[in-house]
Amino acid sequence: MASKMLKLISLDAIPEGGSLIVAGPRGTEIALFKIKGAVYALDNACPHSEGPLGKGELNS
């Protein structure tokens, strides 16, 4: 399976230890998290409460 990469935003725009919500493809929202310099991208919808994942508390 081939992976696809999509440039969403400059890495400098994501605060260290924090998150940022950006527009994804086809009207989706993506939550970006930066932890110790590494960036993680997830669907912005929390699977438990359907709230915005990127606005939650980050514990690393």
C-alpha atoms as a PDB file:
ATOM      1  CA  MET A   1       0.000   0.000   0.000  1.00  0.00           C
ATOM      2  CA  ALA A   2       1.476   3.361  -1.006  1.00  0.00           C
ATOM      3  CA  SER A   3       1.419   6.150   1.545  1.00  0.00           C
ATOM      4  CA  LYS A   4       0.481   9.679   0.575  1.00  0.00           C
ATOM      5  CA  MET A   5       1.856  12.827   2.143  1.00  0.00           C
ATOM      6  CA  LEU A   6      -0.021  16.116   2.146  1.00  0.00           C
ATOM      7  CA  LYS A   7       1.598  19.403   3.162  1.00  0.00           C
ATOM      8  CA  LEU A   8      -0.777  21.093   5.587  1.00  0.00           C
ATOM      9  CA  ILE A   9       1.265  23.802   7.340  1.00  0.00           C
ATOM     10  CA  SER A  10       4.805  24.816   8.281  1.00  0.00           C
ATOM     11  CA  LEU A  11       6.145  22.746  11.193  1.00  0.00           C
ATOM     12  CA  ASP A  12       7.162  25.979  12.939  1.00  0.00           C
ATOM     13  CA  ALA A  13       3.464  26.926  13.255  1.00  0.00           C
ATOM     14  CA  ILE A  14       2.794  24.008  15.625  1.00  0.00           C
ATOM     15  CA  PRO A  15       3.741  24.857  19.223  1.00  0.00           C
ATOM     16  CA  GLU A  16       6.091  22.429  20.998  1.00  0.00           C
ATOM     17  CA  GLY A  17       4.025  20.346  23.425  1.00  0.00           C
ATOM     18  CA  GLY A  18       0.829  21.677  21.889  1.00  0.00           C
ATOM     19  CA  SER A  19      -1.615  21.166  19.072  1.00  0.00           C
ATOM     20  CA  LEU A  20      -3.056  22.883  16.040  1.00  0.00           C
ATOM     21  CA  ILE A  21      -6.201  22.085  14.049  1.00  0.00           C
ATOM     22  CA  VAL A  22      -5.931  22.456  10.266  1.00  0.00           C
ATOM     23  CA  ALA A  23      -8.195  21.861   7.287  1.00  0.00           C
ATOM     24  CA  GLY A  24      -7.645  18.494   5.666  1.00  0.00           C
ATOM     25  CA  PRO A  25      -8.801  17.027   2.378  1.00  0.00           C
ATOM     26  CA  ARG A  26     -12.489  16.954   1.448  1.00  0.00           C
ATOM     27  CA  GLY A  27     -13.632  19.175   4.328  1.00  0.00           C
ATOM     28  CA  THR A  28     -12.054  17.132   7.123  1.00  0.00           C
ATOM     29  CA  GLU A  29     -10.171  18.556  10.104  1.00  0.00           C
ATOM     30  CA  ILE A  30      -6.794  17.232  11.198  1.00  0.00           C
ATOM     31  CA  ALA A  31      -5.303  17.705  14.665  1.00  0.00           C
ATOM     32  CA  LEU A  32      -1.518  18.141  14.617  1.00  0.00           C
ATOM     33  CA  PHE A  33       0.517  17.580  17.784  1.00  0.00           C
ATOM     34  CA  LYS A  34       4.223  18.324  18.333  1.00  0.00           C
ATOM     35  CA  ILE A  35       5.932  16.287  21.060  1.00  0.00           C
ATOM     36  CA  LYS A  36       9.711  16.507  21.522  1.00  0.00           C
ATOM     37  CA  GLY A  37      10.093  17.779  17.960  1.00  0.00           C
ATOM     38  CA  ALA A  38       8.049  14.959  16.381  1.00  0.00           C
ATOM     39  CA  VAL A  39       4.740  15.821  14.708  1.00  0.00           C
ATOM     40  CA  TYR A  40       1.707  13.526  14.838  1.00  0.00           C
ATOM     41  CA  ALA A  41      -1.461  13.921  12.738  1.00  0.00           C
ATOM     42  CA  LEU A  42      -4.850  12.488  13.699  1.00  0.00           C
ATOM     43  CA  ASP A  43      -8.454  12.887  12.647  1.00  0.00           C
ATOM     44  CA  ASN A  44      -9.718  15.778  14.790  1.00  0.00           C
ATOM     45  CA  ALA A  45     -12.803  13.859  16.008  1.00  0.00           C
ATOM     46  CA  CYS A  46     -12.505  12.181  19.423  1.00  0.00           C
ATOM     47  CA  PRO A  47     -13.794   8.600  19.064  1.00  0.00           C
ATOM     48  CA  HIS A  48     -15.335   8.665  22.565  1.00  0.00           C
ATOM     49  CA  SER A  49     -17.167  11.981  22.752  1.00  0.00           C
ATOM     50  CA  GLU A  50     -16.966  13.166  19.118  1.00  0.00           C
ATOM     51  CA  GLY A  51     -15.496  16.471  20.349  1.00  0.00           C
ATOM     52  CA  PRO A  52     -12.485  18.189  18.775  1.00  0.00           C
ATOM     53  CA  LEU A  53      -9.412  16.122  19.650  1.00  0.00           C
ATOM     54  CA  GLY A  54      -7.058  19.047  18.987  1.00  0.00           C
ATOM     55  CA  LYS A  55      -8.668  21.121  21.742  1.00  0.00           C
ATOM     56  CA  GLY A  56      -8.188  18.478  24.427  1.00  0.00           C
ATOM     57  CA  GLU A  57      -5.458  18.215  27.035  1.00  0.00           C
ATOM     58  CA  LEU A  58      -2.138  16.804  25.862  1.00  0.00           C
ATOM     59  CA  ASN A  59      -0.229  14.550  28.267  1.00  0.00           C
ATOM     60  CA  SER A  60       3.040  13.192  26.945  1.00  0.00           C
END
